[in-house]
Amino acid sequence: MSFFERMRTEKLLSFTLVVLTLCAGIVIGTLITVNWGVRAARDSQAAPGATPLVIPNPVELSTAFSQIAKQAEPSVVNISVRFQPRTPARVQTRRRAAPAPNGEDQGGDSGGGMDDFFYRFFGGNPFGNSPEMPDSRGAEALGSGVVVDRAGYILTNNHVVDGASSIKVKFTGDPVSYDAKVVGVDEPTDLAVIRVEGKTELSPAKIGNSDAVQVGDWAVAIGSPFGFQATVTAGIISALGRDIPDGGSSQYQHFLQTDAAINPGNSGGPLLNIRGEVIGINTAIATTTRGYQGVGFALPINTAAVVYNQIIKTGKVTRGSIGIRYKSDPNYIQANLKLEGLSEGVFVDTVAAGGPSDKAGIQPGDVIVSFNGKPVHDGNDLVSHVVSTPVGTAVTLGVAREKKRSEYKVVVGDIAQIFPEDYGAANQTGAVKPGVTSAKFGMTIQALTDQKRESLGVKQSGGVWVVSVEADSFAEEIGLAPNDVVLAINRQNVNSVPDVERIQSMLKPGEAVQFRVLRKSGRNGEWAPTYAAGILPSTVQ
């Protein structure tokens, strides 16, 4: 090979090597650049190595509870009440012990009354945010309720509205607070019926049958715990027919127990079944902390419905009685039952003279074992039968006497007439001492005795003395005042407290009322006639 050919060959090889080296460098440089770029980009993230989250398309899960909430929430209301400042004497009146138990159950422990019951079970405060008893400065409180009628009627607890000078109702999704008035209350079951004013297109709740409830059933509570409106909680029915030992609960209260979260402010709201039907009215909790501990109590709706139906019909609850008393001490009961060779029944301790059982021939020492053919297990069982029977109805009682069985026809009577000392007007909620009666105009009146007439310096005959006038009441609105003497109402002379009650019972909401009154003149201190008049509000209290 010549010199020139050799040089040409070497140059070609050198060129090839250079080209290959350049290509390799480009490839390596590109790879290095890419790798470093990726690493630099990753190193610049706030969370290196994290993968973004991806939201899936919405998919409906279990809808049972959400459907219940949507269905029932429009029927559940928040209730806020205001109390006028009270004097120590009035506070003490509200703290009084409850009257003895129903005439069907005398001789047992009467407990501390409903005030004491809620003091224990709500840690001293049934409403959560404000004192159980308003002091001299007044107070506000919260509760719940459930609409049961398109006409604006709401079922709630008596302890939510008891003593309130004003009641406001709020609906879910509606910013307006509506005025409400009390239609009637029933202290033994702690129930109240109120009516909201000015709200249209109301949605009443579905009413269920609490007799169908079983332990283990789902339960949903809706209310305003601690003021948080439309709060929904769920649990199960923990027990049926629960009585509160030493809690002061009355013999008409046999609760549904639930572990659905119930807190102060839930009072008066509904307890629902899985179909969204009201099966109870949430009433109390057992707690040591004033909050939820898994033990809540609701009055069965079947009991509440009986009370509600009577209140909307007559404004009050009339309960039946067969005119006996029995003791609740278990040792006493078992000893007497054993003498008759029985394991269950109601041992008659005393019989009211002239009462239904006395007229039928039932005697102390008898054991009532059946009611219209149904076995009677204990006193609560008998009471349930009696109070669910209309007054004036004849029933058949199976009785064991000296180990022999007999049947007696007994006509159920009015407990207030059979046991007036315990259930007469002077012992009902809001009533006052004998001789003094609330006339439902928002004032307390008393008959004018000759001695009282002389002490007041009233020379004119007739009339009743106005002892006090409630704040924000109809009487206050039209200008009636303490120490006035009412002589006539709507031109009908008034000579006694029953005269006022009779005239008032005939008046209807929206009617005009005129009072002719004697009042002391500020200038010379003499009594002078004057008039006070106004239109009764939509609900007379």
Protein backbone atom coordinates (compact mmCIF):
# COMPACT_ATOMS: atom_id res chain seq x y z
CA MET A 1 0.00 0.00 0.00
CA SER A 2 1.40 3.35 -0.99
CA PHE A 3 1.98 6.13 1.47
CA PHE A 4 -0.99 8.11 0.20
CA GLU A 5 -3.35 5.16 0.43
CA ARG A 6 -2.23 4.54 4.00
CA MET A 7 -2.89 8.18 4.95
CA ARG A 8 -6.35 8.06 3.37
CA THR A 9 -7.24 4.93 5.33
CA GLU A 10 -6.04 6.38 8.66
CA LYS A 11 -7.98 9.63 8.10
CA LEU A 12 -11.16 7.65 7.39
CA LEU A 13 -10.73 5.65 10.58
CA SER A 14 -10.04 8.80 12.58
CA PHE A 15 -13.10 10.51 11.14
CA THR A 16 -15.25 7.50 11.89
CA LEU A 17 -13.99 7.40 15.49
CA VAL A 18 -14.69 11.11 15.91
CA VAL A 19 -18.20 10.71 14.52
CA LEU A 20 -18.88 7.73 16.80
CA THR A 21 -17.49 9.63 19.80
CA LEU A 22 -19.69 12.63 19.03
CA CYS A 23 -22.77 10.44 18.65
CA ALA A 24 -22.04 8.68 21.92
CA GLY A 25 -21.56 12.02 23.65
CA ILE A 26 -24.84 13.36 22.32
CA VAL A 27 -26.73 10.28 23.52
CA ILE A 28 -25.09 10.32 26.94
CA GLY A 29 -25.64 14.06 27.30
CA THR A 30 -29.29 13.74 26.37
CA LEU A 31 -29.85 10.98 28.92
CA ILE A 32 -28.06 12.94 31.64
CA THR A 33 -30.06 16.06 30.83
CA VAL A 34 -33.38 14.18 30.94
CA ASN A 35 -32.55 12.40 34.20
CA TRP A 36 -31.36 15.53 35.92
CA GLY A 37 -34.37 17.46 34.62
CA VAL A 38 -36.81 14.90 35.99
CA ARG A 39 -34.99 14.73 39.32
CA ALA A 40 -34.90 18.52 39.54
CA ALA A 41 -38.62 18.72 38.77
CA ARG A 42 -39.41 16.12 41.41
CA ASP A 43 -37.16 17.76 43.95
CA SER A 44 -39.11 21.02 43.46
CA GLN A 45 -42.47 19.52 44.75
CA ALA A 46 -43.65 20.28 48.34
CA ALA A 47 -44.17 16.55 48.95
CA PRO A 48 -41.59 14.58 46.89
CA GLY A 49 -42.90 11.25 45.73
CA ALA A 50 -46.57 12.08 46.50
CA THR A 51 -49.31 11.03 44.07
CA PRO A 52 -52.28 13.40 43.48
CA LEU A 53 -55.66 12.20 44.76
CA VAL A 54 -58.45 11.49 42.30
CA ILE A 55 -62.11 12.08 43.32
CA PRO A 56 -64.36 9.26 42.06
CA ASN A 57 -67.81 9.83 40.62
CA PRO A 58 -70.51 10.17 43.34
CA VAL A 59 -72.17 6.87 44.23
CA GLU A 60 -75.12 6.54 46.65
CA LEU A 61 -74.40 4.37 49.67
CA SER A 62 -76.99 3.39 52.31
CA THR A 63 -79.82 5.91 52.10
CA ALA A 64 -82.05 4.79 55.01
CA PHE A 65 -80.99 7.41 57.55
CA SER A 66 -80.56 10.20 55.04
CA GLN A 67 -84.07 9.61 53.74
CA ILE A 68 -85.44 9.70 57.30
CA ALA A 69 -83.65 13.00 57.89
CA LYS A 70 -84.95 14.57 54.67
CA GLN A 71 -88.49 13.41 55.44
CA ALA A 72 -88.64 14.41 59.11
CA GLU A 73 -86.50 17.56 59.39
CA PRO A 74 -89.24 19.92 58.09
CA SER A 75 -91.48 18.71 60.93
CA VAL A 76 -88.94 19.23 63.72
CA VAL A 77 -88.70 22.69 65.25
CA ASN A 78 -86.38 24.57 67.55
CA ILE A 79 -88.19 26.13 70.51
CA SER A 80 -86.72 29.07 72.42
CA VAL A 81 -88.51 30.39 75.47
CA ARG A 82 -88.05 33.38 77.69
CA PHE A 83 -88.88 33.61 81.37
CA GLN A 84 -89.80 36.80 83.13
CA PRO A 85 -87.85 37.62 86.29
CA ARG A 86 -89.37 35.78 89.21
CA THR A 87 -89.60 36.63 92.86
CA PRO A 88 -88.15 34.07 95.31
CA ALA A 89 -91.71 33.10 96.27
CA ARG A 90 -92.61 32.24 92.67
CA VAL A 91 -89.42 30.28 92.20
CA GLN A 92 -90.23 28.25 95.28
CA THR A 93 -93.71 27.52 93.89
CA ARG A 94 -92.22 25.94 90.79
CA ARG A 95 -89.88 23.84 92.91
CA ARG A 96 -92.72 22.34 94.93
CA ALA A 97 -92.95 18.58 95.28
CA ALA A 98 -95.35 16.87 92.92
CA PRO A 99 -98.68 15.70 94.29
CA ALA A 100 -98.96 12.10 95.33
CA PRO A 101 -99.20 9.49 92.57
CA ASN A 102 -102.47 8.65 90.82
CA GLY A 103 -105.24 7.40 93.02
CA GLU A 104 -104.50 3.99 91.57
CA ASP A 105 -101.10 4.07 93.30
CA GLN A 106 -101.17 5.63 96.75
CA GLY A 107 -98.89 4.78 99.60
CA GLY A 108 -95.70 4.38 97.58
CA ASP A 109 -92.83 6.87 97.44
CA SER A 110 -93.92 10.01 95.63
CA GLY A 111 -90.38 10.98 94.63
CA GLY A 112 -89.27 14.55 94.18
CA GLY A 113 -91.60 15.48 91.36
CA MET A 114 -90.72 16.28 87.76
CA ASP A 115 -88.50 19.24 88.70
CA ASP A 116 -86.35 16.90 90.76
CA PHE A 117 -86.41 14.26 88.02
CA PHE A 118 -84.97 16.61 85.44
CA TYR A 119 -82.57 18.03 87.97
CA ARG A 120 -81.06 14.59 88.33
CA PHE A 121 -81.25 13.46 84.77
CA PHE A 122 -80.13 16.70 83.19
CA GLY A 123 -77.47 17.54 85.76
CA GLY A 124 -79.56 20.40 87.12
CA ASN A 125 -80.42 21.92 83.75
CA PRO A 126 -82.84 20.42 81.21
CA PHE A 127 -82.00 23.01 78.57
CA GLY A 128 -78.20 23.03 78.59
CA ASN A 129 -77.40 26.72 78.19
CA SER A 130 -79.44 28.41 80.89
CA PRO A 131 -80.42 27.80 84.51
CA GLU A 132 -83.16 25.33 85.29
CA MET A 133 -84.89 27.98 87.35
CA PRO A 134 -84.78 31.58 86.12
CA ASP A 135 -83.46 33.97 88.74
CA SER A 136 -84.48 37.56 89.36
CA ARG A 137 -82.86 38.61 86.09
CA GLY A 138 -84.92 36.24 83.97
CA ALA A 139 -83.52 33.66 81.57
CA GLU A 140 -83.83 32.02 78.19
CA ALA A 141 -83.92 28.33 77.34
CA LEU A 142 -83.99 26.01 74.35
CA GLY A 143 -85.81 22.83 73.42
CA SER A 144 -87.35 20.99 70.48
CA GLY A 145 -90.78 20.04 69.22
CA VAL A 146 -92.49 18.17 66.41
CA VAL A 147 -95.32 19.44 64.17
CA VAL A 148 -98.24 17.02 64.28
CA ASP A 149 -100.96 19.05 62.52
CA ARG A 150 -101.02 21.35 59.48
CA ALA A 151 -102.99 23.85 61.57
CA GLY A 152 -99.78 24.62 63.47
CA TYR A 153 -100.06 22.34 66.50
CA ILE A 154 -96.75 21.15 67.94
CA LEU A 155 -96.06 18.46 70.53
CA THR A 156 -93.21 19.10 72.98
CA ASN A 157 -92.29 18.63 76.65
CA ASN A 158 -94.02 20.55 79.39
CA HIS A 159 -90.65 21.30 81.01
CA VAL A 160 -89.58 23.09 77.81
CA VAL A 161 -92.37 25.70 77.99
CA ASP A 162 -93.36 25.58 81.67
CA GLY A 163 -93.46 29.11 83.06
CA ALA A 164 -92.43 30.76 79.79
CA SER A 165 -93.51 34.35 79.20
CA SER A 166 -92.83 34.07 75.46
CA ILE A 167 -92.26 31.17 73.06
CA LYS A 168 -90.51 31.37 69.69
CA VAL A 169 -90.42 28.59 67.10
CA LYS A 170 -87.91 28.19 64.26
CA PHE A 171 -88.17 25.78 61.32
CA THR A 172 -85.26 24.22 59.45
CA GLY A 173 -84.24 26.42 56.54
CA ASP A 174 -86.46 29.32 57.63
CA PRO A 175 -84.67 32.26 59.31
CA VAL A 176 -87.91 33.64 60.76
CA SER A 177 -88.81 33.06 64.42
CA TYR A 178 -92.55 32.56 64.85
CA ASP A 179 -94.60 33.25 67.99
CA ALA A 180 -96.31 30.30 69.65
CA LYS A 181 -98.85 29.93 72.45
CA VAL A 182 -99.54 27.09 74.86
CA VAL A 183 -102.76 25.22 74.11
CA GLY A 184 -102.54 22.87 77.07
CA VAL A 185 -100.12 20.91 79.21
CA ASP A 186 -100.05 17.65 81.15
CA GLU A 187 -97.53 17.55 83.96
CA PRO A 188 -97.82 13.81 84.80
CA THR A 189 -96.54 12.90 81.31
CA ASP A 190 -94.44 16.08 80.92
CA LEU A 191 -96.16 16.91 77.64
CA ALA A 192 -97.35 20.20 76.19
CA VAL A 193 -99.21 21.23 73.05
CA ILE A 194 -98.32 24.61 71.55
CA ARG A 195 -99.55 26.33 68.41
CA VAL A 196 -97.33 28.36 66.09
CA GLU A 197 -98.73 31.52 64.55
CA GLY A 198 -98.00 33.01 61.12
CA LYS A 199 -96.36 29.97 59.51
CA THR A 200 -97.96 28.42 56.43
CA GLU A 201 -97.37 25.18 54.50
CA LEU A 202 -96.51 23.17 57.57
CA SER A 203 -95.35 19.58 57.22
CA PRO A 204 -96.68 17.34 60.02
CA ALA A 205 -94.65 14.30 60.98
CA LYS A 206 -95.82 10.75 60.38
CA ILE A 207 -97.11 9.12 63.56
CA GLY A 208 -96.12 5.54 64.28
CA ASN A 209 -97.31 2.93 66.78
CA SER A 210 -95.01 2.57 69.77
CA ASP A 211 -96.62 -0.75 70.71
CA ALA A 212 -94.87 -2.26 67.67
CA VAL A 213 -91.41 -1.19 68.87
CA GLN A 214 -89.01 -3.95 69.88
CA VAL A 215 -85.68 -3.94 71.66
CA GLY A 216 -82.95 -3.75 69.03
CA ASP A 217 -84.99 -1.72 66.52
CA TRP A 218 -83.23 1.23 64.88
CA ALA A 219 -84.05 4.60 66.43
CA VAL A 220 -83.34 8.11 65.09
CA ALA A 221 -83.51 11.29 67.19
CA ILE A 222 -83.83 14.76 65.68
CA GLY A 223 -83.70 18.00 67.65
CA SER A 224 -81.64 20.98 68.72
CA PRO A 225 -79.06 19.75 71.26
CA PHE A 226 -77.23 22.73 72.77
CA GLY A 227 -79.04 24.89 70.21
CA PHE A 228 -77.65 23.12 67.11
CA GLN A 229 -80.84 22.89 65.07
CA ALA A 230 -81.79 19.84 62.97
CA THR A 231 -79.20 17.55 64.55
CA VAL A 232 -79.75 13.89 63.60
CA THR A 233 -78.45 10.98 65.71
CA ALA A 234 -79.10 7.26 65.43
CA GLY A 235 -79.01 4.23 67.68
CA ILE A 236 -81.24 1.38 68.76
CA ILE A 237 -84.08 0.83 71.19
CA SER A 238 -82.34 -0.36 74.35
CA ALA A 239 -85.37 -1.20 76.52
CA LEU A 240 -89.16 -0.91 76.64
CA GLY A 241 -91.46 0.27 79.43
CA ARG A 242 -88.57 1.70 81.37
CA ASP A 243 -89.42 3.35 84.70
CA ILE A 244 -86.91 5.66 86.32
CA PRO A 245 -86.16 4.38 89.83
CA ASP A 246 -86.09 7.21 92.38
CA GLY A 247 -86.30 9.67 89.50
CA GLY A 248 -89.65 11.19 90.39
CA SER A 249 -91.20 10.06 87.12
CA SER A 250 -94.94 9.53 87.33
CA GLN A 251 -96.76 6.27 86.91
CA TYR A 252 -97.98 7.48 83.51
CA GLN A 253 -94.42 7.53 82.17
CA HIS A 254 -93.05 4.21 80.97
CA PHE A 255 -90.26 5.19 78.63
CA LEU A 256 -88.62 3.83 75.52
CA GLN A 257 -84.90 3.71 76.30
CA THR A 258 -82.45 4.40 73.47
CA ASP A 259 -78.73 4.86 72.92
CA ALA A 260 -79.33 7.37 70.11
CA ALA A 261 -77.48 10.49 71.28
CA ILE A 262 -79.90 12.74 73.19
CA ASN A 263 -78.57 15.87 74.86
CA PRO A 264 -80.01 18.96 76.57
CA GLY A 265 -81.99 20.76 73.89
CA ASN A 266 -83.32 17.52 72.38
CA SER A 267 -86.20 17.68 74.87
CA GLY A 268 -89.54 17.59 73.09
CA GLY A 269 -88.13 16.41 69.77
CA PRO A 270 -89.18 13.16 68.08
CA LEU A 271 -87.71 9.70 68.29
CA LEU A 272 -88.31 7.97 64.94
CA ASN A 273 -88.31 4.41 63.68
CA ILE A 274 -86.56 3.26 60.50
CA ARG A 275 -89.67 4.23 58.50
CA GLY A 276 -89.42 7.82 59.67
CA GLU A 277 -92.49 7.54 61.92
CA VAL A 278 -92.61 9.20 65.33
CA ILE A 279 -92.52 6.54 68.04
CA GLY A 280 -91.66 8.74 71.01
CA ILE A 281 -91.07 12.23 72.39
CA ASN A 282 -87.53 12.63 73.71
CA THR A 283 -87.81 13.59 77.35
CA ALA A 284 -84.76 12.84 79.48
CA ILE A 285 -81.23 11.50 79.71
CA ALA A 286 -79.40 9.64 82.44
CA THR A 287 -76.05 11.31 82.87
CA THR A 288 -73.37 12.31 85.33
CA THR A 289 -71.86 14.90 82.99
CA ARG A 290 -74.99 16.72 81.68
CA GLY A 291 -74.25 15.18 78.28
CA TYR A 292 -74.77 12.03 76.24
CA GLN A 293 -73.84 8.75 77.91
CA GLY A 294 -75.90 6.37 75.82
CA VAL A 295 -79.01 6.31 78.03
CA GLY A 296 -81.91 8.41 76.76
CA PHE A 297 -85.64 8.20 77.43
CA ALA A 298 -88.59 8.96 75.14
CA LEU A 299 -92.27 8.91 76.09
CA PRO A 300 -94.05 6.43 73.75
CA ILE A 301 -96.10 8.18 71.08
CA ASN A 302 -99.17 6.09 71.92
CA THR A 303 -99.21 7.70 75.37
CA ALA A 304 -98.49 11.13 73.89
CA ALA A 305 -101.32 10.78 71.35
CA VAL A 306 -103.90 10.13 74.08
CA VAL A 307 -102.75 13.24 75.93
CA TYR A 308 -102.65 15.34 72.75
CA ASN A 309 -106.15 14.31 71.66
CA GLN A 310 -107.62 15.31 75.01
CA ILE A 311 -105.78 18.64 75.10
CA ILE A 312 -106.93 19.74 71.63
CA LYS A 313 -110.48 18.72 72.52
CA THR A 314 -110.89 20.15 76.01
CA GLY A 315 -107.64 21.99 76.80
CA LYS A 316 -106.81 19.56 79.59
CA VAL A 317 -106.35 15.87 80.36
CA THR A 318 -109.02 13.96 82.28
CA ARG A 319 -107.90 10.63 83.68
CA GLY A 320 -109.96 7.75 84.83
CA SER A 321 -109.87 5.99 88.17
CA ILE A 322 -111.55 2.96 89.68
CA GLY A 323 -111.26 4.45 93.17
CA ILE A 324 -108.63 2.30 94.84
CA ARG A 325 -105.21 2.86 96.34
CA TYR A 326 -102.36 0.39 96.37
CA LYS A 327 -98.81 0.47 97.66
CA SER A 328 -95.75 0.09 95.50
CA ASP A 329 -93.40 -1.53 98.03
CA PRO A 330 -92.41 -4.90 96.47
CA ASN A 331 -92.10 -6.77 99.77
CA TYR A 332 -95.55 -5.59 100.85
CA ILE A 333 -97.01 -6.63 97.50
CA GLN A 334 -95.41 -10.07 97.41
CA ALA A 335 -96.39 -10.88 100.98
CA ASN A 336 -100.05 -10.12 100.32
CA LEU A 337 -100.09 -11.87 96.95
CA LYS A 338 -98.55 -14.97 98.50
CA LEU A 339 -101.38 -15.15 101.03
CA GLU A 340 -103.76 -15.44 98.08
CA GLY A 341 -101.55 -18.00 96.36
CA LEU A 342 -100.76 -15.54 93.55
CA SER A 343 -97.53 -14.37 91.93
CA GLU A 344 -98.97 -11.29 90.26
CA GLY A 345 -101.89 -8.89 90.55
CA VAL A 346 -102.72 -5.69 92.42
CA PHE A 347 -103.38 -5.83 96.14
CA VAL A 348 -106.09 -3.31 97.09
CA ASP A 349 -104.87 -1.31 100.06
CA THR A 350 -107.81 1.11 100.45
CA VAL A 351 -111.06 1.84 98.63
CA ALA A 352 -112.37 5.40 98.18
CA ALA A 353 -115.73 5.76 99.91
CA GLY A 354 -118.48 6.18 97.34
CA GLY A 355 -116.06 5.57 94.49
CA PRO A 356 -116.52 3.14 91.55
CA SER A 357 -114.92 0.14 93.27
CA ASP A 358 -116.77 0.80 96.52
CA LYS A 359 -120.09 0.89 94.65
CA ALA A 360 -119.21 -2.34 92.84
CA GLY A 361 -118.41 -4.19 96.08
CA ILE A 362 -114.62 -4.39 95.92
CA GLN A 363 -112.99 -4.36 99.38
CA PRO A 364 -109.56 -3.66 100.88
CA GLY A 365 -107.50 -6.85 100.80
CA ASP A 366 -108.86 -7.94 97.42
CA VAL A 367 -106.40 -8.69 94.61
CA ILE A 368 -107.28 -7.45 91.12
CA VAL A 369 -106.04 -10.08 88.67
CA SER A 370 -107.73 -9.10 85.38
CA PHE A 371 -109.19 -6.12 83.53
CA ASN A 372 -111.82 -6.90 80.89
CA GLY A 373 -110.45 -10.43 80.69
CA LYS A 374 -106.81 -9.37 80.29
CA PRO A 375 -104.34 -10.38 83.01
CA VAL A 376 -103.18 -7.62 85.33
CA HIS A 377 -99.53 -8.17 86.21
CA ASP A 378 -98.86 -5.22 88.52
CA GLY A 379 -99.94 -1.71 89.44
CA ASN A 380 -98.48 -0.07 86.34
CA ASP A 381 -100.34 -2.56 84.19
CA LEU A 382 -103.64 -1.76 85.92
CA VAL A 383 -103.06 1.99 85.63
CA SER A 384 -102.36 1.64 81.90
CA HIS A 385 -105.67 -0.15 81.42
CA VAL A 386 -107.64 2.35 83.49
CA VAL A 387 -106.24 5.58 82.00
CA SER A 388 -106.77 4.30 78.47
CA THR A 389 -110.45 3.73 79.23
CA PRO A 390 -112.81 6.72 78.80
CA VAL A 391 -114.48 8.02 81.93
CA GLY A 392 -117.98 6.57 82.25
CA THR A 393 -117.08 3.21 80.66
CA ALA A 394 -118.12 0.03 82.48
CA VAL A 395 -115.34 -2.54 82.83
CA THR A 396 -115.08 -6.01 84.32
CA LEU A 397 -112.50 -6.58 87.06
CA GLY A 398 -111.39 -10.09 87.98
CA VAL A 399 -110.82 -10.21 91.74
CA ALA A 400 -109.30 -12.81 94.07
CA ARG A 401 -110.65 -12.81 97.64
CA GLU A 402 -109.71 -15.49 100.12
CA LYS A 403 -108.45 -17.59 97.20
CA LYS A 404 -111.80 -17.39 95.40
CA ARG A 405 -112.27 -15.65 92.03
CA SER A 406 -115.12 -13.26 91.28
CA GLU A 407 -115.94 -10.62 88.68
CA TYR A 408 -117.19 -7.10 89.38
CA LYS A 409 -118.63 -4.47 87.05
CA VAL A 410 -116.97 -1.11 87.71
CA VAL A 411 -117.69 2.20 85.99
CA VAL A 412 -114.49 4.22 85.49
CA GLY A 413 -114.78 7.64 87.14
CA ASP A 414 -112.92 10.96 86.95
CA ILE A 415 -109.87 10.83 89.21
CA ALA A 416 -110.21 14.54 90.05
CA GLN A 417 -113.65 13.87 91.53
CA ILE A 418 -112.78 10.60 93.24
CA PHE A 419 -109.55 11.93 94.83
CA PRO A 420 -110.08 15.72 94.93
CA GLU A 421 -107.51 16.09 97.72
CA ASP A 422 -104.80 14.89 95.35
CA TYR A 423 -106.15 15.68 91.89
CA GLY A 424 -108.62 18.49 92.36
CA ALA A 425 -108.07 21.91 90.79
CA ALA A 426 -105.96 23.10 93.71
CA ASN A 427 -103.41 20.37 93.01
CA GLN A 428 -103.03 20.82 89.26
CA THR A 429 -100.07 22.48 87.58
CA GLY A 430 -100.18 26.23 87.91
CA ALA A 431 -103.00 26.23 90.44
CA VAL A 432 -102.73 28.16 93.67
CA LYS A 433 -104.03 27.88 97.20
CA PRO A 434 -107.66 27.03 97.93
CA GLY A 435 -109.91 29.99 97.21
CA VAL A 436 -107.54 31.33 94.55
CA THR A 437 -107.95 30.38 90.91
CA SER A 438 -106.20 31.17 87.66
CA ALA A 439 -108.91 32.57 85.39
CA LYS A 440 -106.90 31.92 82.19
CA PHE A 441 -106.80 35.59 81.32
CA GLY A 442 -103.30 35.71 82.74
CA MET A 443 -104.31 36.84 86.20
CA THR A 444 -104.88 35.26 89.60
CA ILE A 445 -108.14 36.13 91.34
CA GLN A 446 -109.63 35.49 94.75
CA ALA A 447 -113.08 35.69 96.23
CA LEU A 448 -113.73 38.85 98.25
CA THR A 449 -114.60 37.87 101.80
CA ASP A 450 -116.21 40.41 104.09
CA GLN A 451 -112.93 40.71 105.98
CA LYS A 452 -110.95 41.30 102.78
CA ARG A 453 -113.53 43.79 101.52
CA GLU A 454 -113.23 45.73 104.76
CA SER A 455 -109.42 45.71 104.68
CA LEU A 456 -109.42 47.04 101.11
CA GLY A 457 -112.07 49.62 101.85
CA VAL A 458 -114.41 48.35 99.14
CA LYS A 459 -118.00 49.32 99.93
CA GLN A 460 -119.67 48.04 96.78
CA SER A 461 -121.01 44.47 96.89
CA GLY A 462 -119.97 41.72 94.51
CA GLY A 463 -116.78 41.35 92.54
CA VAL A 464 -113.56 39.36 92.82
CA TRP A 465 -110.11 40.61 93.84
CA VAL A 466 -107.22 40.52 91.34
CA VAL A 467 -104.28 39.11 93.32
CA SER A 468 -101.65 39.27 90.55
CA VAL A 469 -101.28 39.74 86.79
CA GLU A 470 -98.84 37.72 84.70
CA ALA A 471 -96.29 39.52 82.55
CA ASP A 472 -97.08 39.64 78.80
CA SER A 473 -100.57 38.24 79.45
CA PHE A 474 -103.93 39.31 78.04
CA ALA A 475 -104.84 40.86 81.40
CA GLU A 476 -101.67 42.97 81.43
CA GLU A 477 -102.19 43.97 77.80
CA ILE A 478 -105.63 45.47 78.46
CA GLY A 479 -104.48 47.23 81.63
CA LEU A 480 -105.75 45.10 84.48
CA ALA A 481 -103.60 45.40 87.61
CA PRO A 482 -103.17 43.81 91.04
CA ASN A 483 -105.74 44.98 93.62
CA ASP A 484 -108.34 45.72 90.95
CA VAL A 485 -111.83 44.41 91.75
CA VAL A 486 -113.59 42.84 88.76
CA LEU A 487 -117.33 43.57 88.95
CA ALA A 488 -118.50 42.27 85.56
CA ILE A 489 -117.27 40.58 82.40
CA ASN A 490 -119.13 41.31 79.16
CA ARG A 491 -121.95 42.89 81.20
CA GLN A 492 -122.40 39.74 83.30
CA ASN A 493 -122.04 40.43 87.02
CA VAL A 494 -119.22 38.64 88.82
CA ASN A 495 -119.70 37.66 92.47
CA SER A 496 -117.34 34.69 92.81
CA VAL A 497 -114.38 32.89 91.24
CA PRO A 498 -116.69 30.26 89.61
CA ASP A 499 -118.56 33.13 87.93
CA VAL A 500 -115.34 34.22 86.22
CA GLU A 501 -114.46 30.65 85.23
CA ARG A 502 -117.95 30.07 83.81
CA ILE A 503 -117.84 33.22 81.68
CA GLN A 504 -114.29 32.52 80.53
CA SER A 505 -115.16 28.95 79.50
CA MET A 506 -117.74 30.29 77.05
CA LEU A 507 -115.33 32.70 75.35
CA LYS A 508 -113.53 31.80 72.14
CA PRO A 509 -110.25 33.07 70.66
CA GLY A 510 -110.76 36.31 68.75
CA GLU A 511 -113.80 37.42 70.80
CA ALA A 512 -114.04 40.81 72.49
CA VAL A 513 -113.93 40.90 76.28
CA GLN A 514 -114.91 43.85 78.48
CA PHE A 515 -114.17 44.06 82.21
CA ARG A 516 -115.95 46.50 84.52
CA VAL A 517 -113.50 47.16 87.31
CA LEU A 518 -113.23 49.02 90.59
CA ARG A 519 -109.83 50.71 91.00
CA LYS A 520 -108.40 53.05 93.60
CA SER A 521 -108.00 56.63 92.40
CA GLY A 522 -104.46 57.98 92.63
CA ARG A 523 -105.63 61.41 93.81
CA ASN A 524 -107.93 60.70 96.73
CA GLY A 525 -107.52 56.96 97.27
CA GLU A 526 -111.20 56.25 96.66
CA TRP A 527 -112.49 53.33 94.65
CA ALA A 528 -113.82 54.37 91.24
CA PRO A 529 -115.34 52.31 88.41
CA THR A 530 -113.44 51.93 85.12
CA TYR A 531 -113.35 49.62 82.11
CA ALA A 532 -110.70 47.38 80.48
CA ALA A 533 -111.32 45.65 77.17
CA GLY A 534 -109.54 43.80 74.37
CA ILE A 535 -109.67 41.00 71.81
CA LEU A 536 -108.71 37.56 73.04
CA PRO A 537 -105.57 36.23 71.31
CA SER A 538 -105.72 33.24 68.98
CA THR A 539 -104.97 30.98 71.93
CA VAL A 540 -106.33 31.88 75.34
CA GLN A 541 -103.95 31.04 78.17
